[in-house]
Amino acid sequence: MLGSMVTAVLEWTEQEQDVARRAFDKAHSRAVLGIIRAAQAHASRMDSVEECWKLHDFLSIQRHEIEGRFDFRLAGLLFVFASLVKDGLLQVDELDGLDRDKLSKIAAMSRM
């Protein structure tokens, strides 16, 4: 029984994939915009080479985090969405159109 429940959650219809891609892209854009704003703020008060290196380090870390976090492989997408919801980059209602079980799992995992 558990195996069939997991299989059902892992199956993605074409419509669900479209909903997921749009939500994923919105969250990615929000994350990138946050990085851009933080980098601009940092650059505006930069007055030494040390500050320049700090900005470089910040951007390197952010790039690593973004590239690791935003992975659109369907098998792990529920975890990605839960993390994005938990961090405020995505709202559960932006995932309307996904199967009820997927939405429930995302909502539950985002509260952990």
PDB file of N, CA and C in Angstrom:
ATOM      1  N   MET A   1       0.818  -1.195   0.000  1.00  0.00           N
ATOM      2  CA  MET A   1       0.000   0.000   0.000  1.00  0.00           C
ATOM      3  C   MET A   1       0.861   1.258   0.000  1.00  0.00           C
ATOM      4  N   LEU A   2       1.868   1.324   0.891  1.00  0.00           N
ATOM      5  CA  LEU A   2       2.737   2.494   0.957  1.00  0.00           C
ATOM      6  C   LEU A   2       3.456   2.697  -0.370  1.00  0.00           C
ATOM      7  N   GLY A   3       3.909   1.627  -0.988  1.00  0.00           N
ATOM      8  CA  GLY A   3       4.591   1.726  -2.275  1.00  0.00           C
ATOM      9  C   GLY A   3       3.725   2.368  -3.341  1.00  0.00           C
ATOM     10  N   SER A   4       2.432   2.016  -3.369  1.00  0.00           N
ATOM     11  CA  SER A   4       1.543   2.604  -4.370  1.00  0.00           C
ATOM     12  C   SER A   4       1.286   4.077  -4.075  1.00  0.00           C
ATOM     13  N   MET A   5       1.253   4.457  -2.774  1.00  0.00           N
ATOM     14  CA  MET A   5       1.070   5.863  -2.427  1.00  0.00           C
ATOM     15  C   MET A   5       2.275   6.685  -2.868  1.00  0.00           C
ATOM     16  N   VAL A   6       3.472   6.149  -2.640  1.00  0.00           N
ATOM     17  CA  VAL A   6       4.686   6.853  -3.037  1.00  0.00           C
ATOM     18  C   VAL A   6       4.743   6.966  -4.552  1.00  0.00           C
ATOM     19  N   THR A   7       4.408   5.893  -5.255  1.00  0.00           N
ATOM     20  CA  THR A   7       4.414   5.913  -6.719  1.00  0.00           C
ATOM     21  C   THR A   7       3.437   6.954  -7.238  1.00  0.00           C
ATOM     22  N   ALA A   8       2.246   7.033  -6.634  1.00  0.00           N
ATOM     23  CA  ALA A   8       1.246   8.003  -7.082  1.00  0.00           C
ATOM     24  C   ALA A   8       1.760   9.428  -6.907  1.00  0.00           C
ATOM     25  N   VAL A   9       2.466   9.691  -5.830  1.00  0.00           N
ATOM     26  CA  VAL A   9       2.979  11.032  -5.590  1.00  0.00           C
ATOM     27  C   VAL A   9       4.110  11.357  -6.560  1.00  0.00           C
ATOM     28  N   LEU A  10       4.867  10.358  -6.950  1.00  0.00           N
ATOM     29  CA  LEU A  10       6.001  10.599  -7.833  1.00  0.00           C
ATOM     30  C   LEU A  10       5.596  10.738  -9.300  1.00  0.00           C
ATOM     31  N   GLU A  11       4.374  10.404  -9.635  1.00  0.00           N
ATOM     32  CA  GLU A  11       3.913  10.555 -11.010  1.00  0.00           C
ATOM     33  C   GLU A  11       3.457  11.991 -11.217  1.00  0.00           C
ATOM     34  N   TRP A  12       3.893  12.590 -12.307  1.00  0.00           N
ATOM     35  CA  TRP A  12       3.571  13.979 -12.613  1.00  0.00           C
ATOM     36  C   TRP A  12       2.889  14.036 -13.973  1.00  0.00           C
ATOM     37  N   THR A  13       1.683  14.586 -13.993  1.00  0.00           N
ATOM     38  CA  THR A  13       1.007  14.772 -15.275  1.00  0.00           C
ATOM     39  C   THR A  13       1.677  15.936 -16.006  1.00  0.00           C
ATOM     40  N   GLU A  14       1.369  16.056 -17.265  1.00  0.00           N
ATOM     41  CA  GLU A  14       1.929  17.168 -18.043  1.00  0.00           C
ATOM     42  C   GLU A  14       1.451  18.506 -17.472  1.00  0.00           C
ATOM     43  N   GLN A  15       0.187  18.570 -17.069  1.00  0.00           N
ATOM     44  CA  GLN A  15      -0.346  19.800 -16.467  1.00  0.00           C
ATOM     45  C   GLN A  15       0.391  20.121 -15.169  1.00  0.00           C
ATOM     46  N   GLU A  16       0.630  19.114 -14.333  1.00  0.00           N
ATOM     47  CA  GLU A  16       1.346  19.330 -13.083  1.00  0.00           C
ATOM     48  C   GLU A  16       2.779  19.795 -13.352  1.00  0.00           C
ATOM     49  N   GLN A  17       3.394  19.246 -14.362  1.00  0.00           N
ATOM     50  CA  GLN A  17       4.747  19.668 -14.701  1.00  0.00           C
ATOM     51  C   GLN A  17       4.777  21.133 -15.132  1.00  0.00           C
ATOM     52  N   ASP A  18       3.752  21.572 -15.848  1.00  0.00           N
ATOM     53  CA  ASP A  18       3.656  22.982 -16.251  1.00  0.00           C
ATOM     54  C   ASP A  18       3.477  23.882 -15.028  1.00  0.00           C
ATOM     55  N   VAL A  19       2.581  23.482 -14.118  1.00  0.00           N
ATOM     56  CA  VAL A  19       2.362  24.244 -12.880  1.00  0.00           C
ATOM     57  C   VAL A  19       3.663  24.304 -12.085  1.00  0.00           C
ATOM     58  N   ALA A  20       4.319  23.161 -11.964  1.00  0.00           N
ATOM     59  CA  ALA A  20       5.562  23.075 -11.196  1.00  0.00           C
ATOM     60  C   ALA A  20       6.641  23.958 -11.814  1.00  0.00           C
ATOM     61  N   ARG A  21       6.764  23.941 -13.122  1.00  0.00           N
ATOM     62  CA  ARG A  21       7.798  24.741 -13.795  1.00  0.00           C
ATOM     63  C   ARG A  21       7.557  26.233 -13.575  1.00  0.00           C
ATOM     64  N   ARG A  22       6.309  26.668 -13.681  1.00  0.00           N
ATOM     65  CA  ARG A  22       6.002  28.090 -13.469  1.00  0.00           C
ATOM     66  C   ARG A  22       6.320  28.506 -12.026  1.00  0.00           C
ATOM     67  N   ALA A  23       5.919  27.684 -11.073  1.00  0.00           N
ATOM     68  CA  ALA A  23       6.177  27.999  -9.659  1.00  0.00           C
ATOM     69  C   ALA A  23       7.682  27.985  -9.375  1.00  0.00           C
ATOM     70  N   PHE A  24       8.367  27.017  -9.913  1.00  0.00           N
ATOM     71  CA  PHE A  24       9.810  26.888  -9.752  1.00  0.00           C
ATOM     72  C   PHE A  24      10.513  28.131 -10.295  1.00  0.00           C
ATOM     73  N   ASP A  25      10.116  28.547 -11.491  1.00  0.00           N
ATOM     74  CA  ASP A  25      10.730  29.721 -12.115  1.00  0.00           C
ATOM     75  C   ASP A  25      10.449  30.996 -11.325  1.00  0.00           C
ATOM     76  N   LYS A  26       9.230  31.129 -10.771  1.00  0.00           N
ATOM     77  CA  LYS A  26       8.911  32.288  -9.932  1.00  0.00           C
ATOM     78  C   LYS A  26       9.813  32.329  -8.706  1.00  0.00           C
ATOM     79  N   ALA A  27       9.933  31.196  -8.039  1.00  0.00           N
ATOM     80  CA  ALA A  27      10.758  31.134  -6.830  1.00  0.00           C
ATOM     81  C   ALA A  27      12.221  31.419  -7.163  1.00  0.00           C
ATOM     82  N   HIS A  28      12.690  30.896  -8.272  1.00  0.00           N
ATOM     83  CA  HIS A  28      14.071  31.129  -8.695  1.00  0.00           C
ATOM     84  C   HIS A  28      14.290  32.624  -8.944  1.00  0.00           C
ATOM     85  N   SER A  29      13.360  33.245  -9.632  1.00  0.00           N
ATOM     86  CA  SER A  29      13.466  34.683  -9.902  1.00  0.00           C
ATOM     87  C   SER A  29      13.488  35.488  -8.608  1.00  0.00           C
ATOM     88  N   ARG A  30      12.663  35.098  -7.644  1.00  0.00           N
ATOM     89  CA  ARG A  30      12.644  35.789  -6.355  1.00  0.00           C
ATOM     90  C   ARG A  30      13.979  35.641  -5.628  1.00  0.00           C
ATOM     91  N   ALA A  31      14.526  34.443  -5.658  1.00  0.00           N
ATOM     92  CA  ALA A  31      15.810  34.205  -4.990  1.00  0.00           C
ATOM     93  C   ALA A  31      16.915  35.018  -5.650  1.00  0.00           C
ATOM     94  N   VAL A  32      16.930  35.030  -6.967  1.00  0.00           N
ATOM     95  CA  VAL A  32      17.951  35.776  -7.691  1.00  0.00           C
ATOM     96  C   VAL A  32      17.807  37.273  -7.433  1.00  0.00           C
ATOM     97  N   LEU A  33      16.583  37.769  -7.432  1.00  0.00           N
ATOM     98  CA  LEU A  33      16.353  39.184  -7.156  1.00  0.00           C
ATOM     99  C   LEU A  33      16.849  39.547  -5.759  1.00  0.00           C
ATOM    100  N   GLY A  34      16.642  38.669  -4.803  1.00  0.00           N
ATOM    101  CA  GLY A  34      17.152  38.906  -3.447  1.00  0.00           C
ATOM    102  C   GLY A  34      18.668  39.008  -3.423  1.00  0.00           C
ATOM    103  N   ILE A  35      19.328  38.159  -4.185  1.00  0.00           N
ATOM    104  CA  ILE A  35      20.795  38.195  -4.256  1.00  0.00           C
ATOM    105  C   ILE A  35      21.254  39.490  -4.925  1.00  0.00           C
ATOM    106  N   ILE A  36      20.591  39.862  -6.003  1.00  0.00           N
ATOM    107  CA  ILE A  36      20.950  41.102  -6.706  1.00  0.00           C
ATOM    108  C   ILE A  36      20.806  42.300  -5.782  1.00  0.00           C
ATOM    109  N   ARG A  37      19.702  42.363  -5.061  1.00  0.00           N
ATOM    110  CA  ARG A  37      19.483  43.489  -4.136  1.00  0.00           C
ATOM    111  C   ARG A  37      20.542  43.522  -3.036  1.00  0.00           C
ATOM    112  N   ALA A  38      20.869  42.364  -2.501  1.00  0.00           N
ATOM    113  CA  ALA A  38      21.889  42.306  -1.447  1.00  0.00           C
ATOM    114  C   ALA A  38      23.252  42.723  -2.000  1.00  0.00           C
ATOM    115  N   ALA A  39      23.577  42.275  -3.206  1.00  0.00           N
ATOM    116  CA  ALA A  39      24.858  42.639  -3.821  1.00  0.00           C
ATOM    117  C   ALA A  39      24.914  44.135  -4.115  1.00  0.00           C
ATOM    118  N   GLN A  40      23.814  44.702  -4.591  1.00  0.00           N
ATOM    119  CA  GLN A  40      23.777  46.142  -4.856  1.00  0.00           C
ATOM    120  C   GLN A  40      23.961  46.937  -3.564  1.00  0.00           C
ATOM    121  N   ALA A  41      23.293  46.498  -2.508  1.00  0.00           N
ATOM    122  CA  ALA A  41      23.424  47.190  -1.223  1.00  0.00           C
ATOM    123  C   ALA A  41      24.863  47.122  -0.733  1.00  0.00           C
ATOM    124  N   HIS A  42      25.460  45.948  -0.863  1.00  0.00           N
ATOM    125  CA  HIS A  42      26.847  45.783  -0.432  1.00  0.00           C
ATOM    126  C   HIS A  42      27.776  46.651  -1.284  1.00  0.00           C
ATOM    127  N   ALA A  43      27.563  46.638  -2.579  1.00  0.00           N
ATOM    128  CA  ALA A  43      28.424  47.415  -3.477  1.00  0.00           C
ATOM    129  C   ALA A  43      28.305  48.908  -3.221  1.00  0.00           C
ATOM    130  N   SER A  44      27.120  49.359  -2.837  1.00  0.00           N
ATOM    131  CA  SER A  44      26.922  50.790  -2.624  1.00  0.00           C
ATOM    132  C   SER A  44      27.705  51.317  -1.424  1.00  0.00           C
ATOM    133  N   ARG A  45      28.068  50.446  -0.505  1.00  0.00           N
ATOM    134  CA  ARG A  45      28.842  50.887   0.663  1.00  0.00           C
ATOM    135  C   ARG A  45      30.283  50.363   0.624  1.00  0.00           C
ATOM    136  N   MET A  46      30.685  49.841  -0.518  1.00  0.00           N
ATOM    137  CA  MET A  46      32.030  49.293  -0.671  1.00  0.00           C
ATOM    138  C   MET A  46      33.048  50.438  -0.716  1.00  0.00           C
ATOM    139  N   ASP A  47      34.028  50.350   0.165  1.00  0.00           N
ATOM    140  CA  ASP A  47      35.042  51.408   0.191  1.00  0.00           C
ATOM    141  C   ASP A  47      36.458  50.864   0.373  1.00  0.00           C
ATOM    142  N   SER A  48      36.591  49.557   0.233  1.00  0.00           N
ATOM    143  CA  SER A  48      37.928  48.965   0.359  1.00  0.00           C
ATOM    144  C   SER A  48      37.989  47.670  -0.439  1.00  0.00           C
ATOM    145  N   VAL A  49      39.202  47.254  -0.692  1.00  0.00           N
ATOM    146  CA  VAL A  49      39.369  45.999  -1.418  1.00  0.00           C
ATOM    147  C   VAL A  49      38.851  44.824  -0.583  1.00  0.00           C
ATOM    148  N   GLU A  50      38.951  44.932   0.727  1.00  0.00           N
ATOM    149  CA  GLU A  50      38.431  43.878   1.597  1.00  0.00           C
ATOM    150  C   GLU A  50      36.923  43.716   1.401  1.00  0.00           C
ATOM    151  N   GLU A  51      36.241  44.848   1.257  1.00  0.00           N
ATOM    152  CA  GLU A  51      34.798  44.791   1.005  1.00  0.00           C
ATOM    153  C   GLU A  51      34.509  44.152  -0.353  1.00  0.00           C
ATOM    154  N   CYS A  52      35.377  44.410  -1.299  1.00  0.00           N
ATOM    155  CA  CYS A  52      35.233  43.791  -2.618  1.00  0.00           C
ATOM    156  C   CYS A  52      35.339  42.272  -2.511  1.00  0.00           C
ATOM    157  N   TRP A  53      36.304  41.797  -1.744  1.00  0.00           N
ATOM    158  CA  TRP A  53      36.478  40.345  -1.577  1.00  0.00           C
ATOM    159  C   TRP A  53      35.304  39.740  -0.803  1.00  0.00           C
ATOM    160  N   LYS A  54      34.774  40.492   0.147  1.00  0.00           N
ATOM    161  CA  LYS A  54      33.588  40.011   0.879  1.00  0.00           C
ATOM    162  C   LYS A  54      32.406  39.843  -0.066  1.00  0.00           C
ATOM    163  N   LEU A  55      32.257  40.807  -0.971  1.00  0.00           N
ATOM    164  CA  LEU A  55      31.180  40.697  -1.958  1.00  0.00           C
ATOM    165  C   LEU A  55      31.406  39.484  -2.859  1.00  0.00           C
ATOM    166  N   HIS A  56      32.625  39.296  -3.269  1.00  0.00           N
ATOM    167  CA  HIS A  56      32.963  38.124  -4.086  1.00  0.00           C
ATOM    168  C   HIS A  56      32.615  36.832  -3.349  1.00  0.00           C
ATOM    169  N   ASP A  57      33.000  36.748  -2.086  1.00  0.00           N
ATOM    170  CA  ASP A  57      32.718  35.556  -1.289  1.00  0.00           C
ATOM    171  C   ASP A  57      31.219  35.338  -1.138  1.00  0.00           C
ATOM    172  N   PHE A  58      30.495  36.422  -0.854  1.00  0.00           N
ATOM    173  CA  PHE A  58      29.039  36.344  -0.741  1.00  0.00           C
ATOM    174  C   PHE A  58      28.422  35.798  -2.029  1.00  0.00           C
ATOM    175  N   LEU A  59      28.837  36.359  -3.159  1.00  0.00           N
ATOM    176  CA  LEU A  59      28.276  35.919  -4.441  1.00  0.00           C
ATOM    177  C   LEU A  59      28.636  34.470  -4.751  1.00  0.00           C
ATOM    178  N   SER A  60      29.842  34.060  -4.399  1.00  0.00           N
ATOM    179  CA  SER A  60      30.240  32.666  -4.626  1.00  0.00           C
ATOM    180  C   SER A  60      29.379  31.709  -3.814  1.00  0.00           C
ATOM    181  N   ILE A  61      29.152  32.062  -2.569  1.00  0.00           N
ATOM    182  CA  ILE A  61      28.313  31.236  -1.701  1.00  0.00           C
ATOM    183  C   ILE A  61      26.885  31.186  -2.235  1.00  0.00           C
ATOM    184  N   GLN A  62      26.351  32.338  -2.613  1.00  0.00           N
ATOM    185  CA  GLN A  62      24.986  32.388  -3.131  1.00  0.00           C
ATOM    186  C   GLN A  62      24.843  31.575  -4.408  1.00  0.00           C
ATOM    187  N   ARG A  63      25.824  31.655  -5.281  1.00  0.00           N
ATOM    188  CA  ARG A  63      25.768  30.876  -6.521  1.00  0.00           C
ATOM    189  C   ARG A  63      25.737  29.385  -6.207  1.00  0.00           C
ATOM    190  N   HIS A  64      26.596  28.966  -5.295  1.00  0.00           N
ATOM    191  CA  HIS A  64      26.637  27.558  -4.910  1.00  0.00           C
ATOM    192  C   HIS A  64      25.292  27.117  -4.332  1.00  0.00           C
ATOM    193  N   GLU A  65      24.708  27.948  -3.466  1.00  0.00           N
ATOM    194  CA  GLU A  65      23.422  27.605  -2.858  1.00  0.00           C
ATOM    195  C   GLU A  65      22.298  27.563  -3.894  1.00  0.00           C
ATOM    196  N   ILE A  66      22.255  28.534  -4.778  1.00  0.00           N
ATOM    197  CA  ILE A  66      21.205  28.582  -5.806  1.00  0.00           C
ATOM    198  C   ILE A  66      21.312  27.368  -6.725  1.00  0.00           C
ATOM    199  N   GLU A  67      22.517  27.079  -7.180  1.00  0.00           N
ATOM    200  CA  GLU A  67      22.690  25.953  -8.099  1.00  0.00           C
ATOM    201  C   GLU A  67      22.354  24.626  -7.439  1.00  0.00           C
ATOM    202  N   GLY A  68      22.615  24.513  -6.147  1.00  0.00           N
ATOM    203  CA  GLY A  68      22.293  23.276  -5.449  1.00  0.00           C
ATOM    204  C   GLY A  68      20.822  23.162  -5.092  1.00  0.00           C
ATOM    205  N   ARG A  69      20.218  24.272  -4.792  1.00  0.00           N
ATOM    206  CA  ARG A  69      18.835  24.270  -4.322  1.00  0.00           C
ATOM    207  C   ARG A  69      17.822  24.142  -5.448  1.00  0.00           C
ATOM    208  N   PHE A  70      18.057  24.818  -6.535  1.00  0.00           N
ATOM    209  CA  PHE A  70      17.082  24.857  -7.618  1.00  0.00           C
ATOM    210  C   PHE A  70      17.367  23.734  -8.615  1.00  0.00           C
ATOM    211  N   ASP A  71      16.838  22.575  -8.278  1.00  0.00           N
ATOM    212  CA  ASP A  71      17.009  21.365  -9.074  1.00  0.00           C
ATOM    213  C   ASP A  71      15.620  20.891  -9.486  1.00  0.00           C
ATOM    214  N   PHE A  72      15.342  20.928 -10.773  1.00  0.00           N
ATOM    215  CA  PHE A  72      13.996  20.621 -11.258  1.00  0.00           C
ATOM    216  C   PHE A  72      13.820  19.143 -11.622  1.00  0.00           C
ATOM    217  N   ARG A  73      14.508  18.256 -10.973  1.00  0.00           N
ATOM    218  CA  ARG A  73      14.252  16.832 -11.207  1.00  0.00           C
ATOM    219  C   ARG A  73      12.987  16.451 -10.454  1.00  0.00           C
ATOM    220  N   LEU A  74      12.057  15.854 -11.166  1.00  0.00           N
ATOM    221  CA  LEU A  74      10.733  15.570 -10.599  1.00  0.00           C
ATOM    222  C   LEU A  74      10.801  14.706  -9.344  1.00  0.00           C
ATOM    223  N   ALA A  75      11.740  13.805  -9.283  1.00  0.00           N
ATOM    224  CA  ALA A  75      11.822  12.887  -8.137  1.00  0.00           C
ATOM    225  C   ALA A  75      12.038  13.628  -6.811  1.00  0.00           C
ATOM    226  N   GLY A  76      12.713  14.759  -6.830  1.00  0.00           N
ATOM    227  CA  GLY A  76      12.977  15.489  -5.597  1.00  0.00           C
ATOM    228  C   GLY A  76      12.254  16.814  -5.491  1.00  0.00           C
ATOM    229  N   LEU A  77      11.360  17.071  -6.416  1.00  0.00           N
ATOM    230  CA  LEU A  77      10.735  18.386  -6.508  1.00  0.00           C
ATOM    231  C   LEU A  77       9.852  18.725  -5.308  1.00  0.00           C
ATOM    232  N   LEU A  78       9.218  17.736  -4.700  1.00  0.00           N
ATOM    233  CA  LEU A  78       8.405  18.021  -3.518  1.00  0.00           C
ATOM    234  C   LEU A  78       9.264  18.594  -2.399  1.00  0.00           C
ATOM    235  N   PHE A  79      10.467  18.067  -2.233  1.00  0.00           N
ATOM    236  CA  PHE A  79      11.385  18.569  -1.207  1.00  0.00           C
ATOM    237  C   PHE A  79      11.846  19.983  -1.545  1.00  0.00           C
ATOM    238  N   VAL A  80      12.122  20.225  -2.822  1.00  0.00           N
ATOM    239  CA  VAL A  80      12.531  21.561  -3.263  1.00  0.00           C
ATOM    240  C   VAL A  80      11.420  22.555  -2.960  1.00  0.00           C
ATOM    241  N   PHE A  81      10.184  22.208  -3.340  1.00  0.00           N
ATOM    242  CA  PHE A  81       9.061  23.112  -3.094  1.00  0.00           C
ATOM    243  C   PHE A  81       8.837  23.340  -1.603  1.00  0.00           C
ATOM    244  N   ALA A  82       8.950  22.301  -0.809  1.00  0.00           N
ATOM    245  CA  ALA A  82       8.769  22.461   0.641  1.00  0.00           C
ATOM    246  C   ALA A  82       9.804  23.427   1.206  1.00  0.00           C
ATOM    247  N   SER A  83      11.027  23.311   0.765  1.00  0.00           N
ATOM    248  CA  SER A  83      12.085  24.205   1.214  1.00  0.00           C
ATOM    249  C   SER A  83      11.820  25.642   0.783  1.00  0.00           C
ATOM    250  N   LEU A  84      11.356  25.816  -0.432  1.00  0.00           N
ATOM    251  CA  LEU A  84      11.065  27.153  -0.949  1.00  0.00           C
ATOM    252  C   LEU A  84       9.894  27.797  -0.209  1.00  0.00           C
ATOM    253  N   VAL A  85       8.887  26.984   0.108  1.00  0.00           N
ATOM    254  CA  VAL A  85       7.745  27.489   0.882  1.00  0.00           C
ATOM    255  C   VAL A  85       8.212  27.877   2.285  1.00  0.00           C
ATOM    256  N   LYS A  86       8.993  27.012   2.886  1.00  0.00           N
ATOM    257  CA  LYS A  86       9.483  27.260   4.249  1.00  0.00           C
ATOM    258  C   LYS A  86      10.279  28.562   4.314  1.00  0.00           C
ATOM    259  N   ASP A  87      11.032  28.869   3.269  1.00  0.00           N
ATOM    260  CA  ASP A  87      11.874  30.065   3.251  1.00  0.00           C
ATOM    261  C   ASP A  87      11.177  31.288   2.660  1.00  0.00           C
ATOM    262  N   GLY A  88       9.894  31.158   2.333  1.00  0.00           N
ATOM    263  CA  GLY A  88       9.128  32.301   1.864  1.00  0.00           C
ATOM    264  C   GLY A  88       9.347  32.688   0.414  1.00  0.00           C
ATOM    265  N   LEU A  89      10.004  31.830  -0.354  1.00  0.00           N
ATOM    266  CA  LEU A  89      10.224  32.123  -1.766  1.00  0.00           C
ATOM    267  C   LEU A  89       9.068  31.646  -2.637  1.00  0.00           C
ATOM    268  N   LEU A  90       8.163  30.887  -2.045  1.00  0.00           N
ATOM    269  CA  LEU A  90       7.027  30.328  -2.768  1.00  0.00           C
ATOM    270  C   LEU A  90       5.870  30.167  -1.794  1.00  0.00           C
ATOM    271  N   GLN A  91       4.669  30.360  -2.289  1.00  0.00           N
ATOM    272  CA  GLN A  91       3.466  30.135  -1.494  1.00  0.00           C
ATOM    273  C   GLN A  91       2.801  28.851  -1.990  1.00  0.00           C
ATOM    274  N   VAL A  92       2.210  28.103  -1.077  1.00  0.00           N
ATOM    275  CA  VAL A  92       1.559  26.849  -1.462  1.00  0.00           C
ATOM    276  C   VAL A  92       0.489  27.095  -2.527  1.00  0.00           C
ATOM    277  N   ASP A  93      -0.226  28.210  -2.436  1.00  0.00           N
ATOM    278  CA  ASP A  93      -1.279  28.465  -3.424  1.00  0.00           C
ATOM    279  C   ASP A  93      -0.722  28.699  -4.831  1.00  0.00           C
ATOM    280  N   GLU A  94       0.562  28.972  -4.952  1.00  0.00           N
ATOM    281  CA  GLU A  94       1.181  29.096  -6.276  1.00  0.00           C
ATOM    282  C   GLU A  94       1.381  27.725  -6.928  1.00  0.00           C
ATOM    283  N   LEU A  95       1.105  26.685  -6.172  1.00  0.00           N
ATOM    284  CA  LEU A  95       1.215  25.323  -6.674  1.00  0.00           C
ATOM    285  C   LEU A  95      -0.154  24.716  -6.993  1.00  0.00           C
ATOM    286  N   ASP A  96      -1.194  25.567  -6.982  1.00  0.00           N
ATOM    287  CA  ASP A  96      -2.534  25.080  -7.330  1.00  0.00           C
ATOM    288  C   ASP A  96      -2.495  24.437  -8.708  1.00  0.00           C
ATOM    289  N   GLY A  97      -3.062  23.258  -8.778  1.00  0.00           N
ATOM    290  CA  GLY A  97      -3.026  22.476 -10.009  1.00  0.00           C
ATOM    291  C   GLY A  97      -2.253  21.184  -9.813  1.00  0.00           C
ATOM    292  N   LEU A  98      -1.483  21.127  -8.720  1.00  0.00           N
ATOM    293  CA  LEU A  98      -0.816  19.872  -8.380  1.00  0.00           C
ATOM    294  C   LEU A  98      -1.814  18.965  -7.673  1.00  0.00           C
ATOM    295  N   ASP A  99      -1.559  17.701  -7.735  1.00  0.00           N
ATOM    296  CA  ASP A  99      -2.359  16.697  -7.046  1.00  0.00           C
ATOM    297  C   ASP A  99      -2.461  17.040  -5.562  1.00  0.00           C
ATOM    298  N   ARG A 100      -3.619  16.778  -4.978  1.00  0.00           N
ATOM    299  CA  ARG A 100      -3.867  17.077  -3.562  1.00  0.00           C
ATOM    300  C   ARG A 100      -2.831  16.425  -2.650  1.00  0.00           C
ATOM    301  N   ASP A 101      -2.434  15.195  -2.949  1.00  0.00           N
ATOM    302  CA  ASP A 101      -1.432  14.513  -2.118  1.00  0.00           C
ATOM    303  C   ASP A 101      -0.084  15.232  -2.174  1.00  0.00           C
ATOM    304  N   LYS A 102       0.289  15.708  -3.350  1.00  0.00           N
ATOM    305  CA  LYS A 102       1.548  16.441  -3.477  1.00  0.00           C
ATOM    306  C   LYS A 102       1.486  17.731  -2.654  1.00  0.00           C
ATOM    307  N   LEU A 103       0.384  18.456  -2.776  1.00  0.00           N
ATOM    308  CA  LEU A 103       0.229  19.701  -2.016  1.00  0.00           C
ATOM    309  C   LEU A 103       0.272  19.446  -0.515  1.00  0.00           C
ATOM    310  N   SER A 104      -0.370  18.384  -0.076  1.00  0.00           N
ATOM    311  CA  SER A 104      -0.362  18.036   1.355  1.00  0.00           C
ATOM    312  C   SER A 104       1.043  17.724   1.833  1.00  0.00           C
ATOM    313  N   LYS A 105       1.781  16.980   1.044  1.00  0.00           N
ATOM    314  CA  LYS A 105       3.156  16.629   1.427  1.00  0.00           C
ATOM    315  C   LYS A 105       4.047  17.874   1.473  1.00  0.00           C
ATOM    316  N   ILE A 106       3.903  18.738   0.481  1.00  0.00           N
ATOM    317  CA  ILE A 106       4.694  19.971   0.452  1.00  0.00           C
ATOM    318  C   ILE A 106       4.375  20.822   1.677  1.00  0.00           C
ATOM    319  N   ALA A 107       3.087  20.986   1.975  1.00  0.00           N
ATOM    320  CA  ALA A 107       2.681  21.800   3.126  1.00  0.00           C
ATOM    321  C   ALA A 107       3.214  21.200   4.426  1.00  0.00           C
ATOM    322  N   ALA A 108       3.110  19.889   4.574  1.00  0.00           N
ATOM    323  CA  ALA A 108       3.587  19.240   5.794  1.00  0.00           C
ATOM    324  C   ALA A 108       5.105  19.362   5.935  1.00  0.00           C
ATOM    325  N   MET A 109       5.845  19.119   4.865  1.00  0.00           N
ATOM    326  CA  MET A 109       7.296  19.191   4.931  1.00  0.00           C
ATOM    327  C   MET A 109       7.771  20.622   5.161  1.00  0.00           C
ATOM    328  N   SER A 110       7.025  21.605   4.692  1.00  0.00           N
ATOM    329  CA  SER A 110       7.456  22.998   4.858  1.00  0.00           C
ATOM    330  C   SER A 110       7.306  23.460   6.306  1.00  0.00           C
ATOM    331  N   ARG A 111       6.535  22.737   7.092  1.00  0.00           N
ATOM    332  CA  ARG A 111       6.345  23.094   8.497  1.00  0.00           C
ATOM    333  C   ARG A 111       7.383  22.428   9.403  1.00  0.00           C
ATOM    334  N   MET A 112       8.179  21.564   8.879  1.00  0.00           N
ATOM    335  CA  MET A 112       9.163  20.830   9.692  1.00  0.00           C
ATOM    336  C   MET A 112      10.333  21.706  10.064  1.00  0.00           C
TER     337      MET A 112
END
